[in-house]
Protein backbone atom coordinates (compact mmCIF):
# COMPACT_ATOMS: atom_id res chain seq x y z
CA MET A 1 33.87 49.77 24.27
CA ALA A 2 30.29 49.65 22.73
CA ASP A 3 28.54 49.40 25.90
CA PRO A 4 26.60 52.35 26.56
CA LEU A 5 26.68 54.68 29.45
CA MET A 6 23.70 56.05 31.58
CA ILE A 7 24.03 59.81 31.66
CA THR A 8 21.88 62.16 33.66
CA GLU A 9 23.00 65.39 32.20
CA ILE A 10 25.88 67.03 30.43
CA TYR A 11 26.28 70.89 30.87
CA ALA A 12 28.39 73.73 30.98
CA SER A 13 28.88 75.84 34.12
CA ILE A 14 31.25 77.38 36.45
CA GLN A 15 33.24 74.88 38.43
CA GLY A 16 31.97 75.42 42.22
CA GLU A 17 34.38 73.54 44.14
CA SER A 18 38.06 72.33 44.57
CA SER A 19 41.18 74.16 43.56
CA PHE A 20 39.53 74.57 40.08
CA ALA A 21 36.65 76.65 41.59
CA GLY A 22 35.71 79.81 39.63
CA LEU A 23 36.82 78.02 36.30
CA PRO A 24 34.20 77.28 33.30
CA CYS A 25 33.71 73.62 33.31
CA THR A 26 31.75 70.93 31.28
CA PHE A 27 29.97 68.56 33.68
CA VAL A 28 29.22 65.08 32.88
CA ARG A 29 27.06 63.66 35.34
CA LEU A 30 26.75 59.79 35.19
CA THR A 31 23.83 58.04 36.81
CA GLY A 32 23.71 55.81 39.86
CA CYS A 33 25.43 55.97 43.11
CA PRO A 34 25.74 52.93 45.89
CA LEU A 35 25.92 55.33 48.72
CA ARG A 36 23.16 57.29 50.46
CA CYS A 37 24.69 60.36 52.25
CA ARG A 38 22.41 62.25 54.33
CA TRP A 39 23.34 65.55 52.91
CA CYS A 40 23.44 64.08 49.32
CA ASP A 41 21.98 67.13 46.73
CA THR A 42 22.05 65.20 43.58
CA ALA A 43 19.73 62.36 44.56
CA TYR A 44 18.03 62.79 41.19
CA SER A 45 20.94 61.28 39.47
CA PHE A 46 20.57 58.01 41.57
CA GLU A 47 18.54 56.28 38.77
CA GLY A 48 17.06 57.12 35.23
CA GLY A 49 19.30 59.07 32.47
CA LYS A 50 19.85 58.68 29.19
CA SER A 51 21.53 55.72 27.33
CA MET A 52 24.72 57.17 25.56
CA THR A 53 27.64 55.69 23.46
CA PHE A 54 31.20 56.84 24.31
CA ASP A 55 31.03 58.84 20.98
CA GLU A 56 27.70 60.59 21.62
CA VAL A 57 29.26 61.61 25.21
CA LEU A 58 32.47 62.82 23.56
CA ALA A 59 30.58 64.85 20.65
CA ASP A 60 28.36 66.60 23.44
CA VAL A 61 31.40 67.46 25.49
CA ALA A 62 32.99 68.84 22.34
CA ARG A 63 29.90 71.23 21.52
CA GLN A 64 30.53 72.94 25.06
CA LYS A 65 33.92 74.14 23.72
CA ILE A 66 35.43 74.14 27.10
CA GLN A 67 38.82 72.12 27.91
CA LEU A 68 37.97 71.70 31.50
CA VAL A 69 35.72 68.53 31.81
CA GLU A 70 34.50 66.97 35.19
CA LEU A 71 33.25 63.56 35.57
CA THR A 72 30.62 63.34 38.54
CA GLY A 73 27.42 61.93 39.70
CA GLY A 74 25.96 60.14 41.64
CA GLU A 75 29.20 58.25 41.86
CA PRO A 76 30.68 58.15 38.27
CA LEU A 77 33.11 55.00 39.04
CA ALA A 78 30.00 52.99 39.90
CA GLN A 79 29.69 52.74 35.98
CA LYS A 80 32.79 50.70 34.81
CA GLY A 81 32.58 52.57 31.52
CA CYS A 82 33.52 55.80 33.36
CA ILE A 83 37.26 54.57 33.20
CA THR A 84 37.16 54.15 29.40
CA LEU A 85 35.47 57.63 29.20
CA ALA A 86 37.83 59.38 31.36
CA HIS A 87 40.89 58.04 29.04
CA GLN A 88 39.17 58.81 26.08
CA LEU A 89 38.40 62.52 27.14
CA VAL A 90 42.32 62.81 28.16
CA GLU A 91 43.33 61.34 24.95
CA ALA A 92 40.98 63.93 23.22
CA GLY A 93 43.07 66.92 25.02
CA TYR A 94 40.77 67.65 27.75
CA LYS A 95 41.86 68.20 31.47
CA VAL A 96 39.69 65.81 33.06
CA LEU A 97 38.57 65.91 36.67
CA ILE A 98 36.66 63.15 38.52
CA GLU A 99 34.46 63.94 41.66
CA THR A 100 34.33 60.59 43.48
CA GLY A 101 32.88 59.59 46.86
CA GLY A 102 35.59 57.40 47.87
CA SER A 103 34.19 54.02 47.97
CA GLU A 104 35.03 52.79 44.56
CA ASP A 105 38.53 51.83 43.54
CA VAL A 106 40.41 54.65 41.72
CA ALA A 107 43.52 52.57 40.82
CA PRO A 108 42.12 51.83 37.03
CA LEU A 109 41.94 55.67 36.27
CA ASP A 110 44.19 57.07 33.66
CA SER A 111 47.07 58.59 35.82
CA ARG A 112 46.33 61.96 34.07
CA VAL A 113 42.91 62.37 35.46
CA HIS A 114 42.90 64.81 38.40
CA ILE A 115 40.77 63.07 41.15
CA ILE A 116 38.93 65.16 43.84
CA MET A 117 37.90 62.23 46.28
CA ASP A 118 35.55 62.64 49.19
CA ILE A 119 36.39 60.97 52.61
CA LYS A 120 33.13 60.31 54.13
CA CYS A 121 32.68 61.54 57.56
CA PRO A 122 30.44 59.92 60.14
CA GLY A 123 27.93 62.76 59.39
CA SER A 124 27.40 61.36 55.96
CA GLY A 125 26.18 57.90 57.48
CA MET A 126 28.45 56.45 54.93
CA HIS A 127 31.85 56.57 56.70
CA GLU A 128 32.24 52.78 57.04
CA ARG A 129 32.01 52.59 53.17
CA ASN A 130 35.39 54.64 52.69
CA LEU A 131 37.91 52.52 50.63
CA TRP A 132 41.15 53.28 52.48
CA SER A 133 43.44 51.82 49.98
CA ASN A 134 42.70 54.43 47.44
CA LEU A 135 45.03 56.71 49.59
CA ASP A 136 47.69 54.30 48.15
CA THR A 137 46.81 55.27 44.60
CA LEU A 138 46.10 59.21 45.01
CA LYS A 139 48.72 61.51 43.38
CA PRO A 140 50.27 64.34 45.41
CA THR A 141 48.38 66.88 42.89
CA ASP A 142 45.07 65.14 43.81
CA GLU A 143 42.66 66.37 46.34
CA ILE A 144 40.69 65.16 49.36
CA LYS A 145 37.41 66.44 50.29
CA PHE A 146 35.76 66.15 53.77
CA VAL A 147 32.14 67.45 53.89
CA LEU A 148 31.41 68.43 57.44
CA THR A 149 28.01 68.54 59.07
CA ASP A 150 29.29 69.74 62.58
CA ARG A 151 32.07 69.76 65.31
CA ALA A 152 32.11 65.84 65.68
CA ASP A 153 32.78 65.74 61.92
CA TYR A 154 35.34 68.48 61.87
CA ASP A 155 37.35 66.66 64.73
CA TRP A 156 37.00 63.42 62.97
CA ALA A 157 38.64 64.78 59.96
CA LEU A 158 41.45 66.29 61.85
CA ASP A 159 42.32 62.95 63.48
CA ILE A 160 42.24 61.55 60.20
CA ILE A 161 44.53 63.85 58.35
CA LYS A 162 46.95 63.43 61.32
CA ASN A 163 46.76 59.58 61.47
CA ARG A 164 46.87 58.75 57.77
CA ASN A 165 49.46 61.51 56.80
CA LEU A 166 47.23 63.34 54.57
CA GLU A 167 48.97 66.35 54.51
CA ARG A 168 50.59 65.38 51.38
CA PHE A 169 47.58 65.96 49.48
CA LYS A 170 45.32 69.08 48.72
CA LEU A 171 42.82 69.21 51.50
CA LEU A 172 39.28 70.48 51.20
CA PHE A 173 36.95 71.14 54.15
CA SER A 174 33.55 71.67 52.77
CA PRO A 175 30.60 72.75 55.11
CA ALA A 176 27.49 70.66 54.50
CA PHE A 177 24.92 73.14 52.84
CA GLY A 178 22.36 74.01 55.31
CA LEU A 179 23.79 72.30 58.06
CA LEU A 180 27.03 73.88 58.92
CA GLN A 181 27.56 77.50 58.58
CA PRO A 182 30.80 78.46 56.50
CA LYS A 183 31.40 81.14 59.24
CA THR A 184 31.62 78.60 61.96
CA LEU A 185 34.01 76.22 59.94
CA ALA A 186 36.19 78.99 59.15
CA GLU A 187 36.76 80.47 62.69
CA TRP A 188 37.55 76.70 63.60
CA MET A 189 39.97 76.38 60.74
CA VAL A 190 41.70 79.65 61.54
CA THR A 191 41.83 78.85 65.21
CA ASP A 192 43.57 75.34 64.61
CA LYS A 193 45.75 76.75 61.72
CA VAL A 194 44.16 73.61 59.48
CA GLN A 195 46.07 73.46 56.38
CA ALA A 196 43.27 72.88 54.11
CA ARG A 197 41.04 75.10 51.66
CA LEU A 198 37.56 76.18 52.83
CA ASN A 199 35.66 74.75 50.11
CA LEU A 200 32.20 76.30 49.50
CA GLN A 201 29.97 75.25 46.57
CA GLN A 202 29.86 78.59 44.40
CA HIS A 203 27.35 77.31 42.22
CA LYS A 204 24.95 77.37 45.28
CA TYR A 205 25.44 80.81 45.95
CA ILE A 206 25.20 81.96 42.61
CA TRP A 207 22.24 79.96 41.49
CA HIS A 208 19.16 78.43 43.55
CA PRO A 209 20.84 75.92 45.81
CA ARG A 210 18.56 73.06 44.03
CA ALA A 211 19.13 74.15 40.57
CA LYS A 212 19.99 71.42 38.40
CA GLY A 213 22.34 71.88 35.42
CA VAL A 214 24.48 74.47 36.99
C-alpha cells in the first residue's frame, strides 16, 4: 500500500473515446508500457513520470471535481499498484474506467471497474501479445476496441469477433489516426452491417493531435 506509483500526468478533459465519449473525465496516466504499437500516440509515457503515493493521486483526482475517472497509460496494469488505485477510486465513489492494451491480466481488477480493452490487430505489430484469457474475465458491460490501420486489420477483426463470439461485448472500431480514414472505415462498416461503434478520438479533432494533457 505504501509503494509509490509512477504517474506521467493527471488532468481533466473530455473523454474522447468509448461509449463515454464526450463526457468530462479526469485522466490518470500511469508511466510505462511493455508494448510498442507502431501507431502509439503516447510514447512520452513509456518512461519518466513522477513518483506519487496513492493518497497523493486520490487528492489530485479530487481537485478535478469530476466523478468519471479513467486510468490509462502507457499500460496502466503494467504497474501492480494500478489494481489498488482502481479499487480505492471506486471505494471513494468514482465511476472508474481503465484503458488497457490487452496484454496484462485484468482478472485482479475490482469488478466495478469498467474495462476498455484493446485487442491488438496485426497492423499494430503487437497482436501476438494479446492475452486471450482476458475474454473470460470481461463483463458484458465492458468494451473491446480494435485499432485498425487498413483493410487487412478490419477483416482480421471481423474474423476474431465471429470466431471468439465477441458480439456479447460492446465493440469499438477505431481508425488509426493518420493511417486509416474514418470515412473509409465507416463505409466498410455500413456495407458489412457491423454491430460495432465507429470510435473516433474526439480529443484529436478538438485539439492538436499531438497535444498532451487533453
